[in-house]
Protein backbone atom coordinates (compact mmCIF):
# COMPACT_ATOMS: atom_id res chain seq x y z
CA UNK A 1 88.45 38.70 -64.41
CA UNK A 2 89.12 42.19 -63.04
CA UNK A 3 85.48 43.35 -64.03
CA UNK A 4 83.96 40.25 -62.22
CA UNK A 5 85.76 40.90 -59.22
CA UNK A 6 84.93 44.67 -59.16
CA UNK A 7 81.23 43.75 -59.78
CA UNK A 8 81.33 41.32 -56.64
CA UNK A 9 83.12 44.06 -54.56
CA UNK A 10 80.41 46.46 -55.63
CA UNK A 11 77.83 44.04 -54.39
CA UNK A 12 79.42 43.43 -50.96
CA UNK A 13 80.02 47.26 -50.62
CA UNK A 14 76.18 47.81 -50.84
CA UNK A 15 75.10 45.03 -48.36
CA UNK A 16 73.45 43.08 -51.03
CA UNK A 17 70.91 45.93 -52.14
CA UNK A 18 72.26 45.49 -55.76
CA UNK A 19 71.76 41.79 -55.66
CA UNK A 20 68.31 41.85 -54.44
CA UNK A 21 67.13 44.53 -56.81
CA UNK A 22 68.52 42.59 -59.63
CA UNK A 23 66.57 39.58 -58.47
CA UNK A 24 63.33 41.67 -58.68
CA UNK A 25 64.05 42.88 -61.93
CA UNK A 26 64.69 39.50 -63.14
CA UNK A 27 61.32 38.36 -61.87
CA UNK A 28 59.46 41.15 -63.39
CA UNK A 29 61.18 40.95 -66.90
CA UNK A 30 60.55 37.06 -66.98
CA UNK A 31 56.88 37.26 -67.33
CA UNK A 32 57.05 39.85 -70.01
CA UNK A 33 59.83 38.93 -72.04
CA UNK A 34 60.39 37.00 -75.26
CA UNK A 35 62.24 33.58 -75.40
CA UNK A 36 65.45 35.12 -76.15
CA UNK A 37 65.02 37.71 -73.25
CA UNK A 38 64.11 34.90 -71.10
CA UNK A 39 67.30 33.02 -72.16
CA UNK A 40 69.40 36.19 -71.34
CA UNK A 41 67.59 36.60 -67.94
CA UNK A 42 68.12 32.78 -67.01
CA UNK A 43 71.87 33.43 -67.84
CA UNK A 44 71.65 36.65 -65.60
CA UNK A 45 70.13 34.47 -62.77
CA UNK A 46 72.80 31.87 -62.87
CA UNK A 47 75.59 34.51 -62.65
CA UNK A 48 73.75 36.28 -59.58
CA UNK A 49 73.43 32.88 -57.99
CA UNK A 50 77.25 32.39 -58.34
CA UNK A 51 77.83 35.70 -56.86
CA UNK A 52 75.36 34.88 -54.11
CA UNK A 53 77.35 31.75 -53.11
CA UNK A 54 80.62 33.97 -53.16
CA UNK A 55 79.07 36.42 -50.71
CA UNK A 56 77.91 33.68 -48.34
CA UNK A 57 81.37 32.41 -48.50
CA UNK A 58 83.14 35.72 -48.01
CA UNK A 59 80.72 36.40 -44.93
CA UNK A 60 81.48 33.05 -43.33
CA UNK A 61 85.16 33.64 -43.93
CA UNK A 62 84.94 37.14 -42.43
CA UNK A 63 83.02 35.93 -39.34
CA UNK A 64 85.90 33.26 -38.74
CA UNK A 65 88.65 35.76 -38.91
CA UNK A 66 86.87 38.26 -36.71
CA UNK A 67 84.90 35.96 -34.19
CA UNK A 68 86.13 32.37 -34.29
CA UNK A 69 89.88 32.58 -34.84
CA UNK A 70 90.58 34.88 -31.93
CA UNK A 71 88.45 32.60 -29.63
CA UNK A 72 90.39 29.53 -30.65
CA UNK A 73 93.86 31.33 -30.31
CA UNK A 74 92.98 32.70 -26.95
CA UNK A 75 91.23 29.65 -25.54
CA UNK A 76 92.44 26.56 -27.16
CA UNK A 77 95.86 26.79 -29.09
CA UNK A 78 98.10 27.26 -26.01
CA UNK A 79 97.31 23.58 -25.09
CA UNK A 80 96.47 22.44 -28.65
CA UNK A 81 98.81 24.25 -31.00
CA UNK A 82 102.37 23.86 -32.61
CA UNK A 83 104.26 24.05 -29.17
CA UNK A 84 101.73 21.76 -27.12
CA UNK A 85 99.53 19.00 -28.11
CA UNK A 86 97.60 17.77 -25.27
CA UNK A 87 95.72 14.51 -26.09
CA UNK A 88 97.76 14.69 -29.46
CA UNK A 89 95.08 17.42 -30.69
CA UNK A 90 95.73 20.57 -32.40
CA UNK A 91 93.31 23.13 -33.18
CA UNK A 92 95.47 25.65 -35.29
CA UNK A 93 94.26 24.61 -38.61
CA UNK A 94 91.17 22.78 -40.16
CA UNK A 95 92.92 19.65 -41.34
CA UNK A 96 94.38 19.21 -37.81
CA UNK A 97 91.05 19.67 -36.23
CA UNK A 98 89.35 17.32 -38.66
CA UNK A 99 92.02 14.76 -37.96
CA UNK A 100 91.64 15.20 -34.14
CA UNK A 101 93.48 13.54 -31.39
CA UNK A 102 93.21 10.51 -29.08
CA UNK A 103 89.43 10.80 -28.58
CA UNK A 104 88.58 11.33 -32.56
CA UNK A 105 87.90 14.31 -34.57
CA UNK A 106 87.52 17.58 -32.84
CA UNK A 107 85.57 19.07 -35.80
CA UNK A 108 83.16 17.47 -38.18
CA UNK A 109 81.88 20.42 -40.47
CA UNK A 110 78.21 20.59 -40.29
CA UNK A 111 77.74 17.73 -37.57
CA UNK A 112 77.40 19.05 -34.09
CA UNK A 113 76.95 15.41 -32.73
CA UNK A 114 80.14 14.08 -34.03
CA UNK A 115 82.24 17.31 -33.28
CA UNK A 116 84.06 16.65 -30.01
CA UNK A 117 84.99 20.26 -29.66
CA UNK A 118 81.29 21.24 -29.47
CA UNK A 119 80.67 18.34 -26.93
CA UNK A 120 83.57 19.44 -24.76
CA UNK A 121 82.81 23.11 -24.64
CA UNK A 122 79.14 22.29 -23.77
CA UNK A 123 80.29 20.82 -20.40
CA UNK A 124 77.57 18.14 -20.52
CA UNK A 125 80.01 15.28 -19.84
CA UNK A 126 81.59 15.81 -16.51
CA UNK A 127 84.72 13.86 -17.66
CA UNK A 128 85.14 15.79 -20.76
CA UNK A 129 85.14 19.47 -20.30
CA UNK A 130 87.25 22.16 -22.25
CA UNK A 131 88.79 24.59 -21.45
CA UNK A 132 89.33 22.46 -18.15
CA UNK A 133 89.72 25.55 -15.71
CA UNK A 134 86.74 27.82 -16.83
CA UNK A 135 83.84 27.27 -18.93
CA UNK A 136 83.44 29.53 -22.05
CA UNK A 137 80.72 32.23 -21.71
CA UNK A 138 77.28 31.27 -23.62
CA UNK A 139 78.26 33.68 -26.27
CA UNK A 140 81.47 32.10 -26.92
CA UNK A 141 80.04 28.60 -26.95
CA UNK A 142 77.08 29.85 -29.43
CA UNK A 143 79.96 31.37 -31.60
CA UNK A 144 81.87 28.06 -31.87
CA UNK A 145 78.66 25.88 -32.18
CA UNK A 146 77.05 28.09 -34.82
CA UNK A 147 80.39 28.05 -36.81
CA UNK A 148 80.73 24.27 -36.74
CA UNK A 149 77.10 23.90 -37.80
CA UNK A 150 77.49 26.34 -40.72
CA UNK A 151 80.26 24.02 -42.03
CA UNK A 152 83.37 25.34 -40.35
CA UNK A 153 84.66 27.65 -42.78
CA UNK A 154 88.50 28.15 -42.22
CA UNK A 155 90.14 30.28 -44.73
CA UNK A 156 93.79 29.65 -45.49
CA UNK A 157 96.21 32.23 -44.17
CA UNK A 158 97.55 35.11 -46.32
CA UNK A 159 100.98 36.42 -46.79
CA UNK A 160 101.17 40.23 -46.28
CA UNK A 161 103.76 41.53 -48.68
CA UNK A 162 103.33 45.25 -47.43
CA UNK A 163 101.05 47.05 -44.98
CA UNK A 164 102.61 49.73 -43.10
CA UNK A 165 106.02 48.33 -42.83
CA UNK A 166 108.82 50.97 -42.98
CA UNK A 167 111.38 48.42 -43.45
CA UNK A 168 109.76 47.58 -46.74
CA UNK A 169 111.54 50.60 -48.37
CA UNK A 170 115.12 49.45 -47.42
CA UNK A 171 113.96 46.00 -49.20
CA UNK A 172 113.77 47.94 -52.44
CA UNK A 173 117.35 48.20 -52.83
CA UNK A 174 117.80 49.76 -56.51
CA UNK A 175 116.09 52.03 -59.11
CA UNK A 176 115.98 55.59 -59.86
CA UNK A 177 112.81 56.20 -58.46
CA UNK A 178 112.15 57.56 -54.84
CA UNK A 179 109.94 55.55 -52.34
CA UNK A 180 108.43 57.08 -49.04
CA UNK A 181 105.91 56.18 -46.59
CA UNK A 182 102.58 58.31 -46.88
CA UNK A 183 100.51 58.56 -43.74
CA UNK A 184 97.67 60.77 -45.23
CA UNK A 185 94.89 59.29 -47.05
CA UNK A 186 96.04 55.55 -46.81
CA UNK A 187 93.68 52.81 -48.35
CA UNK A 188 93.99 50.83 -44.95
CA UNK A 189 96.06 50.90 -41.88
CA UNK A 190 98.69 53.66 -41.08
CA UNK A 191 100.84 54.08 -44.08
CA UNK A 192 100.80 53.49 -47.82
CA UNK A 193 103.75 53.24 -50.31
CA UNK A 194 104.40 56.28 -52.48
CA UNK A 195 106.65 55.97 -55.71
CA UNK A 196 107.91 58.62 -57.77
CA UNK A 197 109.17 57.88 -61.46
CA UNK A 198 110.29 55.29 -62.59
CA UNK A 199 110.55 52.73 -59.79
CA UNK A 200 112.24 51.01 -56.82
CA UNK A 201 113.05 47.38 -56.94
CA UNK A 202 114.16 44.43 -54.89
CA UNK A 203 114.62 41.31 -56.99
CA UNK A 204 115.47 39.09 -53.95
CA UNK A 205 113.48 40.50 -50.87
CA UNK A 206 114.59 38.63 -47.76
CA UNK A 207 112.19 35.71 -46.81
CA UNK A 208 110.31 35.96 -50.05
CA UNK A 209 110.12 32.71 -51.52
CA UNK A 210 106.54 32.43 -52.36
CA UNK A 211 105.36 29.36 -54.25
CA UNK A 212 102.63 29.97 -56.76
CA UNK A 213 100.54 26.96 -57.88
CA UNK A 214 97.18 26.33 -59.49
CA UNK A 215 96.24 24.26 -56.34
CA UNK A 216 98.12 25.65 -53.49
CA UNK A 217 99.10 23.33 -50.83
CA UNK A 218 99.78 24.78 -47.20
CA UNK A 219 102.20 27.71 -47.46
CA UNK A 220 101.50 28.02 -51.33
CA UNK A 221 99.74 30.76 -53.12
CA UNK A 222 97.79 31.67 -56.29
CA UNK A 223 96.24 35.22 -56.06
CA UNK A 224 97.72 38.65 -55.56
CA UNK A 225 95.63 41.55 -54.41
CA UNK A 226 96.64 45.20 -54.00
CA UNK A 227 95.29 48.87 -53.83
CA UNK A 228 96.78 51.50 -55.87
CA UNK A 229 96.18 54.76 -57.39
CA UNK A 230 97.90 57.42 -59.48
CA UNK A 231 98.59 61.22 -59.20
CA UNK A 232 99.41 62.90 -62.47
CA UNK A 233 99.64 61.45 -65.94
CA UNK A 234 100.92 58.18 -66.80
CA UNK A 235 100.24 54.72 -65.52
CA UNK A 236 100.70 52.74 -62.44
CA UNK A 237 102.57 49.26 -62.51
CA UNK A 238 103.87 46.51 -60.51
CA UNK A 239 106.44 44.16 -61.65
CA UNK A 240 107.30 40.62 -59.91
CA UNK A 241 110.43 38.76 -59.82
CA UNK A 242 110.53 35.11 -60.50
CA UNK A 243 113.37 33.03 -58.75
CA UNK A 244 115.57 36.20 -58.65
CA UNK A 245 114.97 37.18 -62.07
CA UNK A 246 112.83 40.00 -63.70
CA UNK A 247 110.63 39.02 -66.59
CA UNK A 248 111.78 39.71 -70.23
CA UNK A 249 111.03 43.05 -71.34
CA UNK A 250 108.92 41.72 -74.34
CA UNK A 251 106.77 39.33 -72.29
CA UNK A 252 103.93 40.73 -70.37
CA UNK A 253 103.77 37.88 -68.02
CA UNK A 254 105.05 39.27 -64.71
CA UNK A 255 104.00 42.81 -65.05
CA UNK A 256 100.47 44.63 -64.47
CA UNK A 257 99.73 48.04 -65.44
CA UNK A 258 96.69 50.49 -65.15
CA UNK A 259 97.08 53.31 -67.81
CA UNK A 260 99.06 54.08 -70.85
CA UNK A 261 102.30 52.14 -70.82
CA UNK A 262 105.14 53.83 -71.86
CA UNK A 263 107.80 52.19 -70.02
CA UNK A 264 108.93 50.07 -73.01
CA UNK A 265 108.08 46.81 -71.04
CA UNK A 266 105.34 44.57 -72.15
CA UNK A 267 102.65 44.24 -69.49
CA UNK A 268 99.04 42.89 -68.68
CA UNK A 269 96.75 45.76 -69.10
CA UNK A 270 94.18 46.15 -66.27
CA UNK A 271 92.57 49.29 -67.47
CA UNK A 272 93.16 51.95 -70.07
CA UNK A 273 93.42 54.84 -67.38
CA UNK A 274 95.14 54.84 -64.24
CA UNK A 275 92.92 54.87 -61.05
CA UNK A 276 93.01 58.38 -59.38
CA UNK A 277 91.19 57.09 -56.21
CA UNK A 278 92.08 53.98 -54.44
CA UNK A 279 91.22 50.95 -56.46
CA UNK A 280 91.45 47.34 -55.43
CA UNK A 281 92.99 45.02 -58.21
CA UNK A 282 93.22 41.15 -57.70
CA UNK A 283 95.49 39.13 -60.21
CA UNK A 284 95.52 35.40 -60.93
CA UNK A 285 99.21 34.82 -60.78
CA UNK A 286 98.95 30.98 -61.80
CA UNK A 287 96.68 31.83 -64.69
CA UNK A 288 98.65 34.66 -66.03
CA UNK A 289 102.35 33.41 -65.25
CA UNK A 290 102.27 29.75 -64.41
CA UNK A 291 104.07 27.87 -61.81
CA UNK A 292 106.86 30.05 -60.13
CA UNK A 293 108.38 31.27 -56.97
CA UNK A 294 107.90 34.94 -56.36
CA UNK A 295 111.24 36.55 -55.01
CA UNK A 296 110.62 40.26 -55.50
CA UNK A 297 108.72 43.12 -56.66
CA UNK A 298 109.13 46.61 -58.35
CA UNK A 299 106.26 49.14 -57.65
CA UNK A 300 106.54 51.40 -60.57
CA UNK A 301 105.33 55.08 -61.42
CA UNK A 302 105.25 55.63 -65.16
CA UNK A 303 105.41 59.34 -65.50
CA UNK A 304 103.39 61.85 -63.69
CA UNK A 305 103.85 63.11 -60.19
CA UNK A 306 103.48 59.78 -57.74
CA UNK A 307 102.03 56.28 -57.69
CA UNK A 308 100.54 54.89 -54.26
CA UNK A 309 100.35 51.23 -53.31
CA UNK A 310 98.88 49.78 -50.29
CA UNK A 311 97.90 46.26 -48.69
CA UNK A 312 99.69 44.02 -51.05
CA UNK A 313 98.58 40.64 -50.16
CA UNK A 314 99.28 37.02 -51.38
CA UNK A 315 96.47 34.34 -50.91
CA UNK A 316 95.90 30.99 -51.77
CA UNK A 317 92.07 31.53 -52.69
CA UNK A 318 90.01 34.44 -53.33
CA UNK A 319 88.10 33.49 -50.16
CA UNK A 320 91.22 33.87 -48.00
CA UNK A 321 91.79 37.25 -49.42
CA UNK A 322 88.18 38.39 -49.06
CA UNK A 323 88.57 37.39 -45.17
CA UNK A 324 91.58 39.27 -44.62
CA UNK A 325 91.12 42.48 -42.94
CA UNK A 326 93.88 45.01 -43.01
CA UNK A 327 95.67 45.55 -39.54
CA UNK A 328 95.33 41.73 -38.62
CA UNK A 329 98.66 40.37 -39.88
CA UNK A 330 99.88 37.14 -38.48
CA UNK A 331 103.43 36.35 -37.43
CA UNK A 332 103.89 34.24 -40.83
CA UNK A 333 103.72 37.86 -42.75
CA UNK A 334 106.83 38.23 -44.98
CA UNK A 335 107.75 41.81 -43.49
CA UNK A 336 106.16 41.76 -40.12
CA UNK A 337 106.38 45.05 -38.25
CA UNK A 338 107.08 44.60 -34.54
CA UNK A 339 106.66 48.52 -33.76
CA UNK A 340 102.90 48.06 -33.07
CA UNK A 341 100.84 50.43 -31.01
CA UNK A 342 99.07 50.01 -27.85
CA UNK A 343 96.24 47.37 -27.31
CA UNK A 344 93.52 50.02 -27.39
CA UNK A 345 94.26 51.28 -30.77
CA UNK A 346 96.36 48.89 -32.74
CA UNK A 347 94.81 45.56 -33.87
CA UNK A 348 98.08 44.08 -34.64
CA UNK A 349 99.12 44.25 -30.78
CA UNK A 350 99.25 40.66 -29.65
CA UNK A 351 97.48 41.59 -26.38
CA UNK A 352 94.30 42.43 -28.47
CA UNK A 353 94.27 38.90 -29.68
CA UNK A 354 95.00 37.49 -26.39
CA UNK A 355 92.17 39.43 -24.80
CA UNK A 356 89.97 39.01 -27.67
CA UNK A 357 89.17 42.57 -27.98
CA UNK A 358 87.63 42.58 -24.36
CA UNK A 359 89.00 44.43 -21.29
CA UNK A 360 91.38 46.60 -23.07
CA UNK A 361 90.83 49.47 -20.58
CA UNK A 362 92.79 47.76 -17.77
CA UNK A 363 95.27 50.13 -16.30
CA UNK A 364 98.15 47.60 -16.83
CA UNK A 365 97.61 47.80 -20.57
CA UNK A 366 97.87 51.52 -20.80
CA UNK A 367 100.92 53.64 -21.19
CA UNK A 368 102.31 55.08 -17.99
CA UNK A 369 101.58 58.92 -17.81
CA UNK A 370 102.85 61.39 -15.28
CA UNK A 371 100.20 62.34 -12.69
CA UNK A 372 98.85 65.94 -12.70
CA UNK A 373 97.77 65.41 -9.03
CA UNK A 374 97.60 68.38 -6.93
CA UNK A 375 99.98 66.97 -4.24
CA UNK A 376 103.42 68.32 -4.93
CA UNK A 377 106.54 66.71 -3.47
CA UNK A 378 108.67 69.06 -1.26
CA UNK A 379 112.06 70.35 -2.55
CA UNK A 380 115.22 70.17 -0.44
CA UNK A 381 117.63 72.78 -0.12
CA UNK A 382 119.76 71.25 -2.89
CA UNK A 383 116.84 71.38 -5.34
CA UNK A 384 116.20 67.68 -5.47
CA UNK A 385 112.47 66.72 -4.69
CA UNK A 386 111.75 63.83 -2.58
CA UNK A 387 108.91 61.52 -4.21
CA UNK A 388 108.13 59.93 -0.70
CA UNK A 389 106.76 63.53 0.35
CA UNK A 390 104.32 63.22 -2.75
CA UNK A 391 103.22 59.68 -1.70
CA UNK A 392 102.62 60.81 1.98
CA UNK A 393 100.52 63.73 0.58
CA UNK A 394 98.43 61.39 -1.56
CA UNK A 395 97.67 59.07 1.41
CA UNK A 396 96.84 61.98 3.64
CA UNK A 397 94.46 63.51 1.10
CA UNK A 398 92.73 60.08 0.45
CA UNK A 399 92.43 59.55 4.25
CA UNK A 400 90.86 63.06 4.62
CA UNK A 401 88.51 62.07 1.83
CA UNK A 402 87.32 58.92 3.69
CA UNK A 403 87.09 60.98 7.07
CA UNK A 404 90.01 58.86 8.56
CA UNK A 405 92.99 60.27 10.49
CA UNK A 406 96.59 58.89 10.47
CA UNK A 407 97.61 56.32 12.83
CA UNK A 408 100.46 57.18 15.38
CA UNK A 409 104.03 56.97 14.04
CA UNK A 410 105.68 53.45 14.22
CA UNK A 411 108.30 53.05 17.07
CA UNK A 412 111.81 52.30 16.20
CA UNK A 413 111.54 48.62 16.84
CA UNK A 414 108.66 48.32 14.32
CA UNK A 415 110.16 50.67 11.99
CA UNK A 416 113.55 48.83 11.63
CA UNK A 417 111.51 45.41 11.22
CA UNK A 418 109.55 46.94 8.37
CA UNK A 419 112.60 48.64 6.61
CA UNK A 420 114.71 45.57 6.93
CA UNK A 421 112.25 43.09 5.57
CA UNK A 422 111.42 45.59 2.68
CA UNK A 423 114.98 46.29 1.72
CA UNK A 424 116.53 42.79 2.37
CA UNK A 425 113.81 40.50 2.61
CA UNK A 426 115.07 39.32 6.18
CA UNK A 427 114.33 40.18 9.54
CA UNK A 428 116.81 42.19 11.60
CA UNK A 429 118.96 40.71 14.22
CA UNK A 430 118.40 41.43 17.92
CA UNK A 431 121.87 43.41 18.03
CA UNK A 432 120.56 45.48 14.92
CA UNK A 433 117.27 46.40 16.45
CA UNK A 434 119.11 47.38 19.70
CA UNK A 435 121.53 49.55 17.90
CA UNK A 436 118.80 51.13 15.95
CA UNK A 437 116.81 51.99 18.86
CA UNK A 438 119.60 53.72 20.62
CA UNK A 439 120.63 55.56 17.69
CA UNK A 440 117.11 56.72 17.05
CA UNK A 441 117.00 58.20 20.56
CA UNK A 442 119.56 60.74 19.51
CA UNK A 443 119.95 60.90 15.75
CA UNK A 444 116.92 59.41 13.92
CA UNK A 445 117.87 60.88 10.62
CA UNK A 446 121.34 59.24 10.78
CA UNK A 447 119.94 55.95 11.73
CA UNK A 448 117.27 55.73 8.97
CA UNK A 449 119.97 56.86 6.49
CA UNK A 450 122.51 54.38 7.51
CA UNK A 451 119.65 51.64 7.28
CA UNK A 452 118.71 52.77 3.81
CA UNK A 453 122.63 52.61 2.58
CA UNK A 454 122.89 49.19 4.20
CA UNK A 455 119.71 48.04 2.07
CA UNK A 456 121.18 49.11 -1.08
CA UNK A 457 124.58 47.77 -0.41
CA UNK A 458 126.19 51.12 -0.71
CA UNK A 459 127.97 53.19 1.78
CA UNK A 460 128.30 56.20 -0.53
CA UNK A 461 124.74 56.35 -1.89
CA UNK A 462 123.89 59.98 -2.60
CA UNK A 463 122.02 61.66 0.09
CA UNK A 464 118.82 62.31 -2.11
CA UNK A 465 118.49 58.57 -2.60
CA UNK A 466 118.38 57.67 1.10
CA UNK A 467 115.47 57.62 3.49
CA UNK A 468 116.35 60.81 5.48
CA UNK A 469 114.09 60.96 8.36
CA UNK A 470 111.23 58.77 9.66
CA UNK A 471 108.73 61.77 10.09
CA UNK A 472 108.88 63.20 6.54
CA UNK A 473 111.01 61.01 4.21
CA UNK A 474 109.48 57.57 4.61
CA UNK A 475 105.95 56.99 3.23
CA UNK A 476 103.50 56.96 6.18
CA UNK A 477 102.49 53.51 5.77
CA UNK A 478 105.95 52.59 6.78
CA UNK A 479 105.66 54.47 9.87
CA UNK A 480 102.42 53.07 11.29
CA UNK A 481 102.10 50.38 14.04
CA UNK A 482 100.85 46.71 12.45
CA UNK A 483 97.40 47.42 14.03
CA UNK A 484 96.55 50.39 11.95
CA UNK A 485 97.54 49.05 8.64
CA UNK A 486 94.26 47.34 7.81
CA UNK A 487 92.40 50.58 8.54
CA UNK A 488 94.61 52.69 6.42
CA UNK A 489 94.64 50.19 3.32
CA UNK A 490 91.06 49.89 3.61
CA UNK A 491 90.42 53.72 3.34
CA UNK A 492 92.94 53.64 0.20
CA UNK A 493 90.84 51.26 -1.73
């Protein structure tokens, strides 16, 4: 089983070159060989044909995960998903899409004419158009149409047991080994799991109740895939707990080992030597163990320096495992990590899924950074800088670049209306306007400071928090008459 899977990954990794060269070799040998040779070659052809089907299926599954699923989630699931089902239609699973809604089946694999999804996104019927607010792009329509035409491959979701999550270490609650996150030389993602002899274990990890069956139903699994390697002598092993119990020490079912096993625990041997480089191993849990519920695991380093584990994934089928891409963990993952990075660099960021990987350079998606602009704010005698001075300098600099001059300063009547609207959302009363005008004639700084205190609801606000003078402390856009605002804003665009 392991050898065949490794051969298939080798074929995939070389873009099918091995497969094509094998076919040519078979055809050449066929014309020259004896009956026995031809029988052997016929068996080879059948094996290669089987791998061809697997390659096609894996490619279709990958395209679904990378192209189709993000499109459905971004454009369809908000109205046709678990929280909302317009027209009694859900598009968050193939079974639901095939069952359809009030109008019929949304997807009939391989049949474009009967698939209402294809009809709706084409906008051919003015009374049946989806999404209703904006038609999909030609590329998006082609993506969904080609997917349905090819058979609507929709691999089942996987469960990510470990992939970068630092909280996984805390779930391994006992054992005499030491576990750590390793960020250098990972198999995938940002971190792998390092383990020193002998092991760390968690027999009942929170939220781990994974049902293993021969023919998994939704939410059930059969296969386990991981990447592992070893540094130093000895072996690398993983032990699996069933319903809160470790397997019997004399029974190999429940343990997998690569390398010479000196632990004293029976285990299913994957290879005679431990891999020194990252190696992917896939285990048929149902075939090896039978029906059970996976509740915990124990990554094990048998002698040597350290064992490493990465991308530990459960899947109902091999196709679902082949389709999974590290870093695309869904909300159903067993140990989801909410500490993802920004949308530009981290595929787990939900914004990437919402935007389908497009327009991620928007300023609103970037982390705020302190400006290195040459304009510097003035510093008062008490050492406190006034940020509005910097704003004024930026405005003046941009206006100068556009060869536009500042407008005249606003008169007190206009100024109080602007400040009052901005601070309270309401216009000033006639009495407040008259009082402000009179006060500005003699003490403009005091009048503006008092208005700032009133706007914040404080009478003891620190002086550095108040707008102090109309001419230097308030941004220039507040100090200009209404007729000049349009010109200034145009220059700033």
